[in-house]
Amino acid sequence: MALIYHVSFFLFVVLTGIAVVGSAAGLVSQAWLTGGQRRWDIVIVVGSYIALAIMSALIIINRLWSIRVSLTQIPRAYIPVKEEDAPKAVYKLVEAEYVRASLIAYIARPRNKVAPGWGSPGSDLENVFLPRALLDTLPAVDSAARNLLPSLPPLRPQVTVTQHLAPLTEILHGEKFHEQIRLYDALIQRARYGYADEDLLLTEVEHIEGVRLSAELAKVFNALSVLRQPHPNVNGRDFASPSPVLDLFSQTSLSDPLGSGLSS
């Protein structure tokens, strides 16, 4: 079909050109043979055909330019290619490469929307790197512990939380309290070194549990630091032991990893 279209168009152009040239030759020869004043008609005929040629060239150039501009404005990804638009071998090659590219794009699509160590899309932790966010809670815990014991050594990355808070053992009592510190320490170590293995990266539940533990530790440390400060109107022996605060802390349920802990 495409061959018939191109051949017929070429023949039409050739026939039109022959007709135009023939008509021009007939008019010029007639004006020349008549002689006299009729020879001025040759100038008129030639000028008319020159004007026709110029107008035709301008129309063709304008049409070609319009088509070129229109084609450049069509997105390349959406240009339809039919089997008759190109040789069969070219069409088959384009079709095979398109199928191959489509398969590669489909296989490369992510199947799991949650990346290890990151918050899930659409949640409150979206675009949050969980290990880094949990490590950011350490300064608050250290600051609260330093209010309780100003002589506490500086916080160092190579020291675990349990080792860092070891000087507080003389002030703090209760196995449950130390269990909270150990749990928080384990999550901090996962946040520090879990990047070496995707299976060790923190999950959202573990991140929330770590944030809860850090908030509870900071609350207890701040409460104990207030209780240990002397007050002129209060008998010091009423606060000789921090047991009231520790009793309140011991009410925190370890079996509920998402529990609210101490009431704010």
Protein backbone atom coordinates (compact mmCIF):
# COMPACT_ATOMS: atom_id res chain seq x y z
CA MET A 1 0.00 0.00 0.00
CA ALA A 2 2.81 2.39 0.86
CA LEU A 3 4.55 1.58 -2.46
CA ILE A 4 1.40 2.33 -4.46
CA TYR A 5 1.00 5.63 -2.62
CA HIS A 6 4.56 6.76 -3.30
CA VAL A 7 4.51 5.68 -6.98
CA SER A 8 1.18 7.39 -7.67
CA PHE A 9 2.35 10.58 -5.98
CA PHE A 10 5.58 10.60 -8.01
CA LEU A 11 3.66 10.08 -11.29
CA PHE A 12 1.23 12.88 -10.41
CA VAL A 13 4.12 15.28 -9.78
CA VAL A 14 5.80 14.32 -13.07
CA LEU A 15 2.58 14.71 -15.09
CA THR A 16 1.88 18.08 -13.48
CA GLY A 17 5.39 19.28 -14.32
CA ILE A 18 5.05 18.11 -17.93
CA ALA A 19 1.70 19.89 -18.26
CA VAL A 20 3.06 23.14 -16.87
CA VAL A 21 6.17 23.07 -19.06
CA GLY A 22 4.09 22.12 -22.12
CA SER A 23 1.61 24.94 -21.61
CA ALA A 24 4.43 27.44 -21.13
CA ALA A 25 6.20 26.21 -24.28
CA GLY A 26 2.98 26.45 -26.32
CA LEU A 27 2.26 30.02 -25.24
CA VAL A 28 5.82 31.18 -25.85
CA SER A 29 6.01 29.56 -29.29
CA GLN A 30 2.66 31.07 -30.32
CA ALA A 31 3.75 34.55 -29.23
CA TRP A 32 7.05 34.19 -31.03
CA LEU A 33 5.55 33.01 -34.30
CA THR A 34 2.95 35.77 -34.47
CA GLY A 35 5.73 38.37 -34.20
CA GLY A 36 5.29 42.13 -33.84
CA GLN A 37 3.65 43.39 -30.69
CA ARG A 38 2.69 39.84 -29.76
CA ARG A 39 6.27 39.16 -28.77
CA TRP A 40 5.72 41.21 -25.61
CA ASP A 41 3.43 38.40 -24.58
CA ILE A 42 6.55 36.25 -24.20
CA VAL A 43 7.72 38.47 -21.34
CA ILE A 44 4.31 38.31 -19.73
CA VAL A 45 4.10 34.50 -20.06
CA VAL A 46 7.64 33.92 -18.80
CA GLY A 47 7.12 36.35 -15.90
CA SER A 48 3.86 34.63 -14.97
CA TYR A 49 5.48 31.21 -14.90
CA ILE A 50 8.46 32.53 -12.92
CA ALA A 51 6.03 34.02 -10.38
CA LEU A 52 4.18 30.66 -10.31
CA ALA A 53 7.46 28.82 -9.69
CA ILE A 54 8.41 31.20 -6.87
CA MET A 55 4.98 30.90 -5.21
CA SER A 56 5.08 27.09 -5.55
CA ALA A 57 8.55 26.96 -4.00
CA LEU A 58 7.43 29.17 -1.11
CA ILE A 59 4.38 26.98 -0.50
CA ILE A 60 6.51 23.81 -0.56
CA ILE A 61 9.09 25.30 1.85
CA ASN A 62 6.37 26.51 4.19
CA ARG A 63 4.69 23.10 4.13
CA LEU A 64 7.94 21.24 4.79
CA TRP A 65 8.75 23.59 7.67
CA SER A 66 5.29 23.15 9.21
CA ILE A 67 5.59 19.35 9.03
CA ARG A 68 9.06 19.45 10.56
CA VAL A 69 7.89 21.64 13.46
CA SER A 70 4.83 19.44 14.04
CA LEU A 71 6.97 16.29 14.15
CA THR A 72 9.40 17.81 16.65
CA GLN A 73 6.49 18.63 18.97
CA ILE A 74 5.30 15.02 19.09
CA PRO A 75 6.77 13.12 22.09
CA ARG A 76 9.11 10.48 20.73
CA ALA A 77 7.79 7.83 23.11
CA TYR A 78 4.30 8.10 21.60
CA ILE A 79 5.07 8.10 17.85
CA PRO A 80 3.07 5.17 16.42
CA VAL A 81 5.09 2.79 14.27
CA LYS A 82 3.06 0.46 12.11
CA GLU A 83 4.36 -2.45 10.12
CA GLU A 84 3.83 -0.62 6.83
CA ASP A 85 5.75 2.46 8.04
CA ALA A 86 9.14 0.74 7.75
CA PRO A 87 10.76 -2.28 6.12
CA LYS A 88 9.69 -5.58 7.66
CA ALA A 89 13.16 -6.33 9.07
CA VAL A 90 13.33 -2.89 10.69
CA TYR A 91 9.82 -3.24 12.13
CA LYS A 92 10.64 -6.68 13.61
CA LEU A 93 13.84 -5.33 15.17
CA VAL A 94 12.03 -2.36 16.71
CA GLU A 95 9.28 -4.64 18.03
CA ALA A 96 11.78 -7.08 19.58
CA GLU A 97 13.79 -4.29 21.24
CA TYR A 98 10.62 -2.69 22.56
CA VAL A 99 9.48 -5.98 24.11
CA ARG A 100 12.94 -6.49 25.64
CA ALA A 101 12.98 -2.97 27.11
CA SER A 102 9.46 -3.47 28.50
CA LEU A 103 10.49 -6.72 30.20
CA ILE A 104 13.57 -5.09 31.72
CA ALA A 105 11.48 -2.19 33.05
CA TYR A 106 8.91 -4.59 34.50
CA ILE A 107 11.50 -6.80 36.20
CA ALA A 108 13.26 -3.73 37.62
CA ARG A 109 10.10 -2.45 39.31
CA PRO A 110 10.34 -2.65 43.13
CA ARG A 111 8.18 -5.36 44.65
CA ASN A 112 8.60 -4.35 48.30
CA LYS A 113 7.58 -0.81 49.14
CA VAL A 114 9.53 -0.82 52.41
CA ALA A 115 13.31 -0.41 52.15
CA PRO A 116 15.33 -2.00 54.99
CA GLY A 117 16.09 0.54 57.68
CA TRP A 118 13.60 3.14 56.40
CA GLY A 119 10.07 4.03 57.45
CA SER A 120 7.27 2.74 55.27
CA PRO A 121 5.65 5.17 52.78
CA GLY A 122 2.50 6.87 54.02
CA SER A 123 3.36 6.37 57.70
CA ASP A 124 4.61 8.90 60.26
CA LEU A 125 8.12 7.54 59.69
CA GLU A 126 8.12 8.06 55.93
CA ASN A 127 11.56 9.14 54.61
CA VAL A 128 13.05 8.56 58.08
CA PHE A 129 16.24 6.49 58.36
CA LEU A 130 15.40 4.56 61.51
CA PRO A 131 18.95 3.85 62.82
CA ARG A 132 19.95 7.51 62.50
CA ALA A 133 16.72 8.69 64.13
CA LEU A 134 17.21 6.35 67.10
CA LEU A 135 20.84 7.44 67.54
CA ASP A 136 19.58 11.02 67.71
CA THR A 137 17.83 10.14 71.00
CA LEU A 138 21.16 9.45 72.74
CA PRO A 139 22.05 13.12 73.43
CA ALA A 140 18.73 13.65 75.25
CA VAL A 141 19.30 10.58 77.45
CA ASP A 142 22.89 11.64 78.14
CA SER A 143 21.80 15.19 79.01
CA ALA A 144 19.17 13.91 81.47
CA ALA A 145 21.69 11.50 83.03
CA ARG A 146 24.20 14.33 83.36
CA ASN A 147 21.63 16.38 85.27
CA LEU A 148 21.46 13.51 87.72
CA LEU A 149 25.23 12.93 87.85
CA PRO A 150 27.26 15.88 86.47
CA SER A 151 30.51 13.90 86.79
CA LEU A 152 29.32 11.40 84.18
CA PRO A 153 32.06 10.75 81.56
CA PRO A 154 31.55 12.16 78.06
CA LEU A 155 29.45 10.09 75.69
CA ARG A 156 31.70 8.18 73.26
CA PRO A 157 30.59 6.06 70.28
CA GLN A 158 32.80 3.12 71.24
CA VAL A 159 31.19 2.87 74.69
CA THR A 160 27.86 1.11 75.08
CA VAL A 161 24.94 2.76 76.82
CA THR A 162 25.18 0.27 79.69
CA GLN A 163 28.85 1.11 80.22
CA HIS A 164 28.19 4.83 79.90
CA LEU A 165 25.44 4.75 82.56
CA ALA A 166 27.35 2.39 84.87
CA PRO A 167 28.27 5.23 87.32
CA LEU A 168 24.53 5.63 88.03
CA THR A 169 24.24 2.14 89.54
CA GLU A 170 24.81 3.53 93.04
CA ILE A 171 21.83 5.84 92.60
CA LEU A 172 19.49 3.59 90.66
CA HIS A 173 18.08 0.38 92.04
CA GLY A 174 15.77 -2.26 90.63
CA GLU A 175 16.35 -5.06 88.16
CA LYS A 176 13.51 -3.84 85.97
CA PHE A 177 15.16 -0.46 85.55
CA HIS A 178 18.46 -2.02 84.50
CA GLU A 179 16.57 -4.28 82.09
CA GLN A 180 15.21 -1.17 80.39
CA ILE A 181 18.75 0.17 79.99
CA ARG A 182 19.93 -3.14 78.52
CA LEU A 183 17.05 -3.18 76.03
CA TYR A 184 17.78 0.40 74.97
CA ASP A 185 21.48 -0.40 74.72
CA ALA A 186 20.80 -3.40 72.46
CA LEU A 187 18.71 -1.27 70.09
CA ILE A 188 21.38 1.44 70.02
CA GLN A 189 24.02 -1.14 69.09
CA ARG A 190 21.75 -2.38 66.29
CA ALA A 191 21.38 1.20 65.07
CA ARG A 192 25.16 1.72 65.14
CA TYR A 193 26.34 -1.46 63.47
CA GLY A 194 23.25 -3.03 61.86
CA TYR A 195 24.02 -1.48 58.47
CA ALA A 196 26.52 -4.31 57.86
CA ASP A 197 23.61 -6.73 57.41
CA GLU A 198 20.12 -5.85 56.17
CA ASP A 199 18.62 -8.42 58.55
CA LEU A 200 20.04 -6.44 61.50
CA LEU A 201 18.63 -3.08 60.46
CA LEU A 202 15.98 -1.68 62.77
CA THR A 203 12.32 -2.20 62.00
CA GLU A 204 9.64 0.38 62.68
CA VAL A 205 8.46 -1.51 65.79
CA GLU A 206 12.00 -1.65 67.18
CA HIS A 207 12.54 2.03 66.41
CA ILE A 208 9.34 3.00 68.23
CA GLU A 209 10.36 0.81 71.18
CA GLY A 210 13.78 2.47 71.31
CA VAL A 211 12.25 5.95 71.24
CA ARG A 212 9.86 4.95 74.04
CA LEU A 213 12.72 3.63 76.18
CA SER A 214 14.78 6.78 75.62
CA ALA A 215 11.84 8.95 76.69
CA GLU A 216 11.31 6.86 79.84
CA LEU A 217 14.99 6.98 80.78
CA ALA A 218 15.12 10.74 80.28
CA LYS A 219 11.98 11.21 82.42
CA VAL A 220 13.35 9.12 85.27
CA PHE A 221 16.74 10.83 85.21
CA ASN A 222 15.14 14.28 85.22
CA ALA A 223 12.76 13.30 88.04
CA LEU A 224 15.60 11.91 90.16
CA SER A 225 17.72 15.00 89.57
CA VAL A 226 14.86 17.15 90.89
CA LEU A 227 14.34 14.90 93.93
CA ARG A 228 18.03 14.97 94.82
CA GLN A 229 18.16 18.76 94.85
CA PRO A 230 17.89 20.25 98.39
CA HIS A 231 14.78 22.29 99.10
CA PRO A 232 14.63 24.72 102.06
CA ASN A 233 11.00 23.91 102.90
CA VAL A 234 11.25 20.14 102.61
CA ASN A 235 12.84 17.70 105.01
CA GLY A 236 15.78 16.10 103.19
CA ARG A 237 15.08 12.67 104.64
CA ASP A 238 11.76 12.57 102.77
CA PHE A 239 13.82 12.23 99.58
CA ALA A 240 16.71 10.20 100.95
CA SER A 241 15.77 7.38 98.59
CA PRO A 242 14.57 7.64 94.98
CA SER A 243 12.30 4.67 95.46
CA PRO A 244 9.05 6.60 94.75
CA VAL A 245 10.25 7.46 91.26
CA LEU A 246 11.67 4.00 90.67
CA ASP A 247 8.41 2.46 91.84
CA LEU A 248 6.63 4.60 89.28
CA PHE A 249 9.12 3.54 86.63
CA SER A 250 8.75 -0.13 87.55
CA GLN A 251 5.08 0.07 86.54
CA THR A 252 6.15 0.30 82.90
CA SER A 253 5.21 -2.91 81.13
CA LEU A 254 8.09 -4.64 79.36
CA SER A 255 5.66 -6.94 77.61
CA ASP A 256 4.15 -4.05 75.67
CA PRO A 257 6.79 -2.85 73.20
CA LEU A 258 4.55 -0.02 72.07
CA GLY A 259 3.36 1.01 75.51
CA SER A 260 3.27 4.63 76.44
CA GLY A 261 5.50 4.19 79.49
CA LEU A 262 5.33 6.99 82.02
CA SER A 263 2.41 9.30 81.69
CA SER A 264 3.44 12.74 80.62
